[in-house]
C-alpha atoms as a PDB file:
ATOM      1  CA  MET A   1      18.724  19.283   1.811  1.00  0.00           C
ATOM      2  CA  SER A   2      21.441  16.888  -0.387  1.00  0.00           C
ATOM      3  CA  LYS A   3      22.994  16.762   3.486  1.00  0.00           C
ATOM      4  CA  LEU A   4      20.117  14.866   5.098  1.00  0.00           C
ATOM      5  CA  LEU A   5      20.520  11.659   6.188  1.00  0.00           C
ATOM      6  CA  ARG A   6      19.339   8.866   4.303  1.00  0.00           C
ATOM      7  CA  SER A   7      19.122   5.148   5.202  1.00  0.00           C
ATOM      8  CA  ALA A   8      18.188   1.679   3.581  1.00  0.00           C
ATOM      9  CA  LEU A   9      14.626   2.069   5.441  1.00  0.00           C
ATOM     10  CA  SER A  10      11.499  -0.177   4.025  1.00  0.00           C
ATOM     11  CA  GLY A  11       8.536   1.791   2.549  1.00  0.00           C
ATOM     12  CA  SER A  12       6.646   1.610   6.384  1.00  0.00           C
ATOM     13  CA  ASP A  13       9.421   2.947   7.918  1.00  0.00           C
ATOM     14  CA  TRP A  14       9.250   6.520   5.483  1.00  0.00           C
ATOM     15  CA  LYS A  15       8.259   9.585   6.923  1.00  0.00           C
ATOM     16  CA  GLN A  16       8.439  13.165   5.990  1.00  0.00           C
ATOM     17  CA  ASN A  17      12.453  13.104   6.253  1.00  0.00           C
ATOM     18  CA  GLU A  18      12.671  10.742   3.553  1.00  0.00           C
ATOM     19  CA  LEU A  19      10.681  13.257   1.024  1.00  0.00           C
ATOM     20  CA  LYS A  20      12.826  15.697   1.828  1.00  0.00           C
ATOM     21  CA  ALA A  21      15.926  13.573   1.641  1.00  0.00           C
ATOM     22  CA  TYR A  22      14.641  12.664  -1.775  1.00  0.00           C
ATOM     23  CA  ASN A  23      13.277  16.222  -2.969  1.00  0.00           C
ATOM     24  CA  ILE A  24       9.743  15.149  -3.446  1.00  0.00           C
ATOM     25  CA  LEU A  25       7.286  17.598  -2.601  1.00  0.00           C
ATOM     26  CA  VAL A  26       3.351  17.227  -1.998  1.00  0.00           C
ATOM     27  CA  GLN A  27       1.007  19.967  -3.564  1.00  0.00           C
ATOM     28  CA  THR A  28      -2.673  20.311  -2.688  1.00  0.00           C
ATOM     29  CA  GLU A  29      -5.145  21.068  -5.292  1.00  0.00           C
ATOM     30  CA  ASP A  30      -8.744  22.022  -5.963  1.00  0.00           C
ATOM     31  CA  ALA A  31     -10.705  18.892  -7.541  1.00  0.00           C
ATOM     32  CA  GLN A  32     -11.019  20.858 -11.034  1.00  0.00           C
ATOM     33  CA  THR A  33      -7.397  21.248 -11.457  1.00  0.00           C
ATOM     34  CA  PHE A  34      -6.310  17.535 -10.066  1.00  0.00           C
ATOM     35  CA  PHE A  35      -9.009  15.856 -12.069  1.00  0.00           C
ATOM     36  CA  ASN A  36      -9.015  18.242 -14.526  1.00  0.00           C
ATOM     37  CA  ARG A  37     -12.698  17.963 -14.913  1.00  0.00           C
ATOM     38  CA  GLU A  38     -16.094  17.815 -13.444  1.00  0.00           C
ATOM     39  CA  LEU A  39     -16.902  15.550 -10.991  1.00  0.00           C
ATOM     40  CA  LEU A  40     -18.672  12.822 -12.612  1.00  0.00           C
ATOM     41  CA  SER A  41     -22.310  11.596 -11.924  1.00  0.00           C
ATOM     42  CA  ILE A  42     -22.703   8.692  -9.630  1.00  0.00           C
ATOM     43  CA  ASP A  43     -26.695   8.377 -10.327  1.00  0.00           C
ATOM     44  CA  HIS A  44     -26.065   4.975 -11.775  1.00  0.00           C
ATOM     45  CA  LEU A  45     -25.511   3.457  -8.127  1.00  0.00           C
ATOM     46  CA  ASP A  46     -28.215   2.331  -6.026  1.00  0.00           C
ATOM     47  CA  PRO A  47     -30.181   5.122  -4.271  1.00  0.00           C
ATOM     48  CA  ASN A  48     -29.895   2.886  -1.285  1.00  0.00           C
ATOM     49  CA  LEU A  49     -26.174   2.967  -0.996  1.00  0.00           C
ATOM     50  CA  LEU A  50     -26.173   6.882  -1.352  1.00  0.00           C
ATOM     51  CA  SER A  51     -29.156   7.130   1.251  1.00  0.00           C
ATOM     52  CA  THR A  52     -29.120   4.391   3.750  1.00  0.00           C
ATOM     53  CA  GLU A  53     -28.350   5.904   6.992  1.00  0.00           C
ATOM     54  CA  GLU A  54     -28.715   2.320   9.176  1.00  0.00           C
ATOM     55  CA  THR A  55     -25.904   0.660   7.969  1.00  0.00           C
ATOM     56  CA  ASN A  56     -26.625  -2.727   9.854  1.00  0.00           C
ATOM     57  CA  ILE A  57     -30.197  -3.051   8.347  1.00  0.00           C
ATOM     58  CA  THR A  58     -29.540  -4.248   4.654  1.00  0.00           C
ATOM     59  CA  ASP A  59     -32.359  -6.400   3.811  1.00  0.00           C
ATOM     60  CA  ASN A  60     -33.647  -6.541   0.472  1.00  0.00           C
ATOM     61  CA  PHE A  61     -31.129  -4.651  -0.716  1.00  0.00           C
ATOM     62  CA  ALA A  62     -29.304  -5.365  -3.476  1.00  0.00           C
ATOM     63  CA  PRO A  63     -26.112  -7.726  -3.070  1.00  0.00           C
ATOM     64  CA  PRO A  64     -23.490  -5.283  -3.896  1.00  0.00           C
ATOM     65  CA  THR A  65     -24.760  -2.590  -1.941  1.00  0.00           C
ATOM     66  CA  ALA A  66     -25.823  -4.904   1.329  1.00  0.00           C
ATOM     67  CA  LYS A  67     -22.002  -5.933   1.253  1.00  0.00           C
ATOM     68  CA  PHE A  68     -20.474  -2.776   1.063  1.00  0.00           C
ATOM     69  CA  LEU A  69     -23.067  -1.370   3.839  1.00  0.00           C
ATOM     70  CA  ALA A  70     -21.690  -4.817   5.767  1.00  0.00           C
ATOM     71  CA  TYR A  71     -17.891  -4.016   5.460  1.00  0.00           C
ATOM     72  CA  LEU A  72     -18.670  -0.007   6.327  1.00  0.00           C
ATOM     73  CA  ASP A  73     -20.718  -1.221   9.445  1.00  0.00           C
ATOM     74  CA  ARG A  74     -18.020  -3.408  10.161  1.00  0.00           C
ATOM     75  CA  ALA A  75     -15.207  -0.528   9.929  1.00  0.00           C
ATOM     76  CA  LEU A  76     -17.291   1.702  11.738  1.00  0.00           C
ATOM     77  CA  ARG A  77     -17.380  -0.541  14.948  1.00  0.00           C
ATOM     78  CA  SER A  78     -13.329  -1.574  14.837  1.00  0.00           C
ATOM     79  CA  TYR A  79     -10.804  -0.774  16.615  1.00  0.00           C
ATOM     80  CA  PRO A  80      -7.945   1.317  15.585  1.00  0.00           C
ATOM     81  CA  GLY A  81      -5.148  -1.098  14.388  1.00  0.00           C
ATOM     82  CA  GLU A  82      -7.898  -3.463  12.665  1.00  0.00           C
ATOM     83  CA  GLU A  83      -6.560  -2.991   9.332  1.00  0.00           C
ATOM     84  CA  SER A  84      -8.530  -6.002   7.796  1.00  0.00           C
ATOM     85  CA  GLU A  85     -12.027  -4.489   8.620  1.00  0.00           C
ATOM     86  CA  ILE A  86     -10.523  -1.306   6.676  1.00  0.00           C
ATOM     87  CA  ASP A  87      -8.707  -3.676   3.796  1.00  0.00           C
ATOM     88  CA  ASP A  88     -12.403  -5.309   3.226  1.00  0.00           C
ATOM     89  CA  LEU A  89     -13.945  -1.532   2.793  1.00  0.00           C
ATOM     90  CA  VAL A  90     -11.535  -0.590   0.315  1.00  0.00           C
ATOM     91  CA  ARG A  91     -12.261  -3.490  -1.562  1.00  0.00           C
ATOM     92  CA  SER A  92     -15.971  -2.864  -1.912  1.00  0.00           C
ATOM     93  CA  LEU A  93     -15.476   1.132  -2.609  1.00  0.00           C
ATOM     94  CA  LEU A  94     -12.820   0.113  -5.649  1.00  0.00           C
ATOM     95  CA  ASN A  95     -15.683  -2.939  -6.531  1.00  0.00           C
ATOM     96  CA  ILE A  96     -18.432  -0.589  -6.267  1.00  0.00           C
ATOM     97  CA  THR A  97     -17.033   2.662  -7.980  1.00  0.00           C
ATOM     98  CA  GLY A  98     -15.900   0.452 -10.577  1.00  0.00           C
ATOM     99  CA  TYR A  99     -11.949  -0.170 -10.243  1.00  0.00           C
ATOM    100  CA  ASP A 100     -11.396  -4.290 -10.395  1.00  0.00           C
ATOM    101  CA  GLU A 101     -12.765  -4.782 -14.015  1.00  0.00           C
ATOM    102  CA  ALA A 102     -11.963  -7.943 -16.597  1.00  0.00           C
ATOM    103  CA  GLY A 103      -8.045  -8.046 -16.551  1.00  0.00           C
ATOM    104  CA  THR A 104      -7.522  -6.595 -13.311  1.00  0.00           C
ATOM    105  CA  THR A 105      -7.284  -7.994  -9.820  1.00  0.00           C
ATOM    106  CA  LEU A 106      -7.567  -6.747  -5.974  1.00  0.00           C
ATOM    107  CA  ARG A 107      -4.790  -7.829  -4.228  1.00  0.00           C
ATOM    108  CA  THR A 108      -4.407  -7.009  -0.542  1.00  0.00           C
ATOM    109  CA  ARG A 109      -0.971  -6.912   1.987  1.00  0.00           C
ATOM    110  CA  CYS A 110       1.233  -6.626  -1.090  1.00  0.00           C
ATOM    111  CA  ASN A 111       4.882  -6.858  -0.680  1.00  0.00           C
ATOM    112  CA  ILE A 112       6.784  -4.823  -3.125  1.00  0.00           C
ATOM    113  CA  LYS A 113      10.456  -4.976  -3.558  1.00  0.00           C
ATOM    114  CA  LEU A 114      12.441  -1.835  -2.909  1.00  0.00           C
ATOM    115  CA  ALA A 115      15.641  -1.073  -3.733  1.00  0.00           C
ATOM    116  CA  ILE A 116      17.092   1.718  -1.513  1.00  0.00           C
ATOM    117  CA  CYS A 117      20.925   3.002  -0.873  1.00  0.00           C
ATOM    118  CA  GLY A 118      22.440   0.166  -1.870  1.00  0.00           C
ATOM    119  CA  GLU A 119      20.075  -2.357  -0.421  1.00  0.00           C
ATOM    120  CA  THR A 120      17.854  -4.938  -3.032  1.00  0.00           C
ATOM    121  CA  ASN A 121      16.475  -6.579   0.481  1.00  0.00           C
ATOM    122  CA  ARG A 122      13.610  -3.596   1.735  1.00  0.00           C
ATOM    123  CA  SER A 123      10.126  -3.896   0.688  1.00  0.00           C
ATOM    124  CA  ALA A 124       7.100  -1.744   0.640  1.00  0.00           C
ATOM    125  CA  LYS A 125       4.019  -3.471   1.973  1.00  0.00           C
ATOM    126  CA  THR A 126       0.849  -1.767   0.389  1.00  0.00           C
ATOM    127  CA  ASP A 127      -2.693  -2.650   2.105  1.00  0.00           C
ATOM    128  CA  VAL A 128      -4.574  -2.674  -0.986  1.00  0.00           C
ATOM    129  CA  CYS A 129      -3.406  -2.998  -4.926  1.00  0.00           C
ATOM    130  CA  LEU A 130      -5.439  -3.186  -8.183  1.00  0.00           C
ATOM    131  CA  GLU A 131      -3.111  -5.298 -10.386  1.00  0.00           C
ATOM    132  CA  HIS A 132      -3.008  -5.962 -13.944  1.00  0.00           C
ATOM    133  CA  VAL A 133      -3.317  -9.463 -15.415  1.00  0.00           C
ATOM    134  CA  SER A 134       0.473  -8.848 -16.201  1.00  0.00           C
ATOM    135  CA  SER A 135       1.276  -8.449 -12.688  1.00  0.00           C
ATOM    136  CA  MET A 136       1.798  -4.787 -13.188  1.00  0.00           C
ATOM    137  CA  ILE A 137       0.775  -2.499 -10.473  1.00  0.00           C
ATOM    138  CA  LEU A 138      -1.803  -0.090 -11.411  1.00  0.00           C
ATOM    139  CA  LEU A 139      -3.142   1.126  -8.016  1.00  0.00           C
ATOM    140  CA  LEU A 140      -2.226   1.886  -4.467  1.00  0.00           C
ATOM    141  CA  VAL A 141      -4.216   2.274  -1.462  1.00  0.00           C
ATOM    142  CA  HIS A 142      -2.552   2.765   1.987  1.00  0.00           C
ATOM    143  CA  GLU A 143      -4.214   3.187   5.665  1.00  0.00           C
ATOM    144  CA  ASP A 144      -3.483   4.946   8.348  1.00  0.00           C
ATOM    145  CA  LYS A 145      -2.061   3.121  11.009  1.00  0.00           C
ATOM    146  CA  THR A 146      -4.469   4.900  13.479  1.00  0.00           C
ATOM    147  CA  ILE A 147      -2.782   2.968  16.422  1.00  0.00           C
ATOM    148  CA  SER A 148       0.160   4.801  16.100  1.00  0.00           C
ATOM    149  CA  GLY A 149      -0.623   7.659  14.328  1.00  0.00           C
ATOM    150  CA  THR A 150       1.911   7.078  11.861  1.00  0.00           C
ATOM    151  CA  ASP A 151       1.712   9.569   8.310  1.00  0.00           C
ATOM    152  CA  PRO A 152       0.377   7.490   5.692  1.00  0.00           C
ATOM    153  CA  GLU A 153       1.596  10.006   2.658  1.00  0.00           C
ATOM    154  CA  PRO A 154       5.558   9.305   3.099  1.00  0.00           C
ATOM    155  CA  GLN A 155       4.562   5.568   3.213  1.00  0.00           C
ATOM    156  CA  VAL A 156       2.196   5.686   0.040  1.00  0.00           C
ATOM    157  CA  ILE A 157       4.881   7.621  -1.762  1.00  0.00           C
ATOM    158  CA  ALA A 158       7.874   4.869  -1.318  1.00  0.00           C
ATOM    159  CA  GLU A 159       5.529   2.064  -2.471  1.00  0.00           C
ATOM    160  CA  ALA A 160       4.934   4.437  -5.689  1.00  0.00           C
ATOM    161  CA  ILE A 161       8.428   4.041  -5.885  1.00  0.00           C
ATOM    162  CA  ALA A 162       8.614   0.508  -5.429  1.00  0.00           C
ATOM    163  CA  SER A 163       5.782   0.065  -8.042  1.00  0.00           C
ATOM    164  CA  PHE A 164       7.763   2.092 -10.654  1.00  0.00           C
ATOM    165  CA  GLN A 165      11.271  -0.198  -9.861  1.00  0.00           C
ATOM    166  CA  GLU A 166       8.965  -3.279  -9.805  1.00  0.00           C
ATOM    167  CA  ASN A 167       6.938  -2.535 -12.339  1.00  0.00           C
ATOM    168  CA  ASN A 168       9.820  -1.696 -14.945  1.00  0.00           C
ATOM    169  CA  ALA A 169      11.226  -4.808 -14.045  1.00  0.00           C
ATOM    170  CA  LYS A 170       8.324  -6.741 -15.067  1.00  0.00           C
ATOM    171  CA  ARG A 171       8.794  -4.806 -18.509  1.00  0.00           C
ATOM    172  CA  GLU A 172      12.174  -5.509 -19.124  1.00  0.00           C
ATOM    173  CA  ASP A 173      11.531  -9.597 -18.419  1.00  0.00           C
ATOM    174  CA  SER A 174       8.502  -9.497 -21.016  1.00  0.00           C
ATOM    175  CA  GLY A 175      11.089  -8.019 -23.408  1.00  0.00           C
ATOM    176  CA  GLN A 176       9.339  -4.285 -23.360  1.00  0.00           C
ATOM    177  CA  ASP A 177      11.092  -1.081 -23.089  1.00  0.00           C
ATOM    178  CA  VAL A 178      11.555   0.431 -19.425  1.00  0.00           C
ATOM    179  CA  LEU A 179       9.825   3.696 -18.844  1.00  0.00           C
ATOM    180  CA  ASP A 180      11.360   6.648 -17.693  1.00  0.00           C
ATOM    181  CA  ALA A 181       8.369   8.230 -15.764  1.00  0.00           C
ATOM    182  CA  MET A 182       5.238   6.788 -14.477  1.00  0.00           C
ATOM    183  CA  THR A 183       2.493   8.395 -12.513  1.00  0.00           C
ATOM    184  CA  VAL A 184       1.559   6.195  -9.904  1.00  0.00           C
ATOM    185  CA  PRO A 185      -2.438   6.855  -8.658  1.00  0.00           C
ATOM    186  CA  CYS A 186      -2.849   6.186  -4.990  1.00  0.00           C
ATOM    187  CA  VAL A 187      -5.088   6.641  -2.290  1.00  0.00           C
ATOM    188  CA  THR A 188      -4.640   7.185   1.465  1.00  0.00           C
ATOM    189  CA  MET A 189      -7.358   6.126   3.913  1.00  0.00           C
ATOM    190  CA  VAL A 190      -7.663   7.550   7.448  1.00  0.00           C
ATOM    191  CA  GLY A 191     -10.398   4.914   9.011  1.00  0.00           C
ATOM    192  CA  THR A 192     -13.661   6.070   8.052  1.00  0.00           C
ATOM    193  CA  GLN A 193     -13.927   9.174   9.867  1.00  0.00           C
ATOM    194  CA  ALA A 194     -11.165  11.325   7.940  1.00  0.00           C
ATOM    195  CA  GLY A 195     -12.124  10.169   4.547  1.00  0.00           C
ATOM    196  CA  PRO A 196      -9.439   9.345   1.649  1.00  0.00           C
ATOM    197  CA  VAL A 197      -6.883  11.528   0.392  1.00  0.00           C
ATOM    198  CA  PHE A 198      -6.298  10.998  -3.787  1.00  0.00           C
ATOM    199  CA  TYR A 199      -2.749  11.449  -5.165  1.00  0.00           C
ATOM    200  CA  LYS A 200      -0.803  11.232  -8.398  1.00  0.00           C
ATOM    201  CA  VAL A 201       3.205  10.518  -7.977  1.00  0.00           C
ATOM    202  CA  PRO A 202       5.027  10.883 -10.826  1.00  0.00           C
ATOM    203  CA  VAL A 203       8.066   8.785 -10.349  1.00  0.00           C
ATOM    204  CA  THR A 204      10.924   9.680 -12.846  1.00  0.00           C
ATOM    205  CA  MET A 205      14.245   7.259 -13.540  1.00  0.00           C
ATOM    206  CA  GLU A 206      16.067  10.143 -11.824  1.00  0.00           C
ATOM    207  CA  LEU A 207      14.332   9.790  -8.681  1.00  0.00           C
ATOM    208  CA  SER A 208      14.398   5.869  -8.613  1.00  0.00           C
ATOM    209  CA  GLU A 209      17.771   5.420  -9.333  1.00  0.00           C
ATOM    210  CA  CYS A 210      18.433   8.159  -6.661  1.00  0.00           C
ATOM    211  CA  VAL A 211      16.505   6.348  -3.603  1.00  0.00           C
ATOM    212  CA  ARG A 212      18.482   3.213  -5.056  1.00  0.00           C
ATOM    213  CA  ALA A 213      21.304   4.666  -4.444  1.00  0.00           C
ATOM    214  CA  GLY A 214      20.956   6.825  -1.743  1.00  0.00           C
ATOM    215  CA  THR A 215      21.485  10.265  -3.385  1.00  0.00           C
ATOM    216  CA  TYR A 216      19.500  13.489  -3.638  1.00  0.00           C
ATOM    217  CA  PRO A 217      18.163  13.924  -6.983  1.00  0.00           C
ATOM    218  CA  LYS A 218      18.683  17.010  -8.572  1.00  0.00           C
ATOM    219  CA  ASN A 219      15.124  17.468 -10.097  1.00  0.00           C
ATOM    220  CA  ALA A 220      12.718  17.916  -7.493  1.00  0.00           C
ATOM    221  CA  THR A 221       8.946  15.465  -7.615  1.00  0.00           C
ATOM    222  CA  VAL A 222       5.886  17.267  -7.066  1.00  0.00           C
ATOM    223  CA  VAL A 223       3.464  14.937  -5.788  1.00  0.00           C
ATOM    224  CA  THR A 224      -0.357  16.273  -5.921  1.00  0.00           C
ATOM    225  CA  ARG A 225      -3.144  15.286  -3.821  1.00  0.00           C
ATOM    226  CA  CYS A 226      -7.213  16.200  -3.341  1.00  0.00           C
ATOM    227  CA  ALA A 227      -9.342  15.571  -0.518  1.00  0.00           C
ATOM    228  CA  PRO A 228     -12.999  15.521  -0.866  1.00  0.00           C
ATOM    229  CA  PRO A 229     -14.688  18.070   1.327  1.00  0.00           C
ATOM    230  CA  LYS A 230     -16.762  17.031   4.393  1.00  0.00           C
ATOM    231  CA  HIS A 231     -20.678  17.682   4.417  1.00  0.00           C
ATOM    232  CA  GLN A 232     -20.909  16.790   8.158  1.00  0.00           C
ATOM    233  CA  PRO A 233     -17.431  17.402   9.605  1.00  0.00           C
ATOM    234  CA  LEU A 234     -17.886  15.118  12.638  1.00  0.00           C
ATOM    235  CA  ALA A 235     -19.141  12.523  10.765  1.00  0.00           C
ATOM    236  CA  GLY A 236     -17.594   9.555   8.558  1.00  0.00           C
ATOM    237  CA  MET A 237     -18.754   7.723   5.518  1.00  0.00           C
ATOM    238  CA  GLU A 238     -21.952   6.454   8.046  1.00  0.00           C
ATOM    239  CA  ASP A 239     -23.326  10.013   6.951  1.00  0.00           C
ATOM    240  CA  PRO A 240     -24.968   9.569   3.517  1.00  0.00           C
ATOM    241  CA  ASP A 241     -23.755  13.177   2.294  1.00  0.00           C
ATOM    242  CA  ASN A 242     -20.585  12.334   3.021  1.00  0.00           C
ATOM    243  CA  ARG A 243     -20.471   8.979   1.962  1.00  0.00           C
ATOM    244  CA  ARG A 244     -22.074  10.482  -1.523  1.00  0.00           C
ATOM    245  CA  ILE A 245     -19.205  12.891  -2.100  1.00  0.00           C
ATOM    246  CA  ILE A 246     -16.751  10.238  -1.525  1.00  0.00           C
ATOM    247  CA  LEU A 247     -18.155   7.637  -3.823  1.00  0.00           C
ATOM    248  CA  GLN A 248     -18.297  10.944  -6.362  1.00  0.00           C
ATOM    249  CA  TYR A 249     -14.339  11.329  -5.698  1.00  0.00           C
ATOM    250  CA  TYR A 250     -13.504   7.593  -6.026  1.00  0.00           C
ATOM    251  CA  THR A 251     -15.822   7.605  -9.624  1.00  0.00           C
ATOM    252  CA  THR A 252     -13.843  10.800 -11.146  1.00  0.00           C
ATOM    253  CA  PHE A 253     -10.581   9.503  -9.770  1.00  0.00           C
ATOM    254  CA  ARG A 254     -11.041   5.832 -11.759  1.00  0.00           C
ATOM    255  CA  GLU A 255     -10.629   7.944 -15.022  1.00  0.00           C
ATOM    256  CA  VAL A 256      -7.572   9.948 -13.779  1.00  0.00           C
ATOM    257  CA  ALA A 257      -6.103   6.525 -12.685  1.00  0.00           C
ATOM    258  CA  LYS A 258      -7.011   4.787 -15.805  1.00  0.00           C
ATOM    259  CA  GLN A 259      -5.002   7.704 -18.052  1.00  0.00           C
ATOM    260  CA  CYS A 260      -1.928   6.919 -15.717  1.00  0.00           C
ATOM    261  CA  TRP A 261      -1.943   3.357 -16.225  1.00  0.00           C
ATOM    262  CA  SER A 262      -2.433   3.247 -19.548  1.00  0.00           C
ATOM    263  CA  GLN A 263       0.902   4.523 -20.079  1.00  0.00           C
ATOM    264  CA  PHE A 264       2.629   1.923 -18.350  1.00  0.00           C
ATOM    265  CA  ILE A 265       0.836  -1.128 -19.445  1.00  0.00           C
ATOM    266  CA  ALA A 266       0.999  -0.492 -23.102  1.00  0.00           C
ATOM    267  CA  ASN A 267       1.732  -4.087 -24.899  1.00  0.00           C
ATOM    268  CA  MET A 268       1.991  -5.825 -21.910  1.00  0.00           C
END
């Protein structure tokens, strides 16, 4: 693997070869192992959000519910490659499930600098990210470009590495010690049909420096992932049962994500 070709690729060009070239392994875990807890209850959410089948009929619904269902309806009707529709849906999902709190902002289409193979002018572009008031990147969401069938997994891992580099640069600029490791919480979305995949990406200084230099890390990086089961395999979030499961996974992942980013925003 150490002899695999490494090129100064931007994050959008990463494929499975780049994961092999930087000794990155991805392992699937069940929900109990991945979250290290039972799935959290979502009974506090608006029942209309969980039971409505007609996503285009939202009269008399609470504004957050009506807005989410409107974004879902637009995403369901969008053509492959219409990323803005999925961006809007993701932002609404993160709002509904409590990610965007005081001191954070949701941003779309952010370019994050990526130092790779001796080049410093490359970048990784995330579709949606959650950012701390200190400008530290907390969470990444990357969509599958269904029009070309590109695998979003290597791309979101590249974004996590870029976030590690960017976050440490911001810590250094503010007089804080740089960190040897950060676990970056990430999500990939494949339209509205396949559902999300949740990731914990542990980025170490060794991995970051090897990417920066274009060399093979001695130690493997093990990324873990988890995806919700589908109640109706041929349906997506338009199916209320699938929607409930997905919202429950997002809600549970929020607590895992907070544990991850609390370690790298300390004192910021």
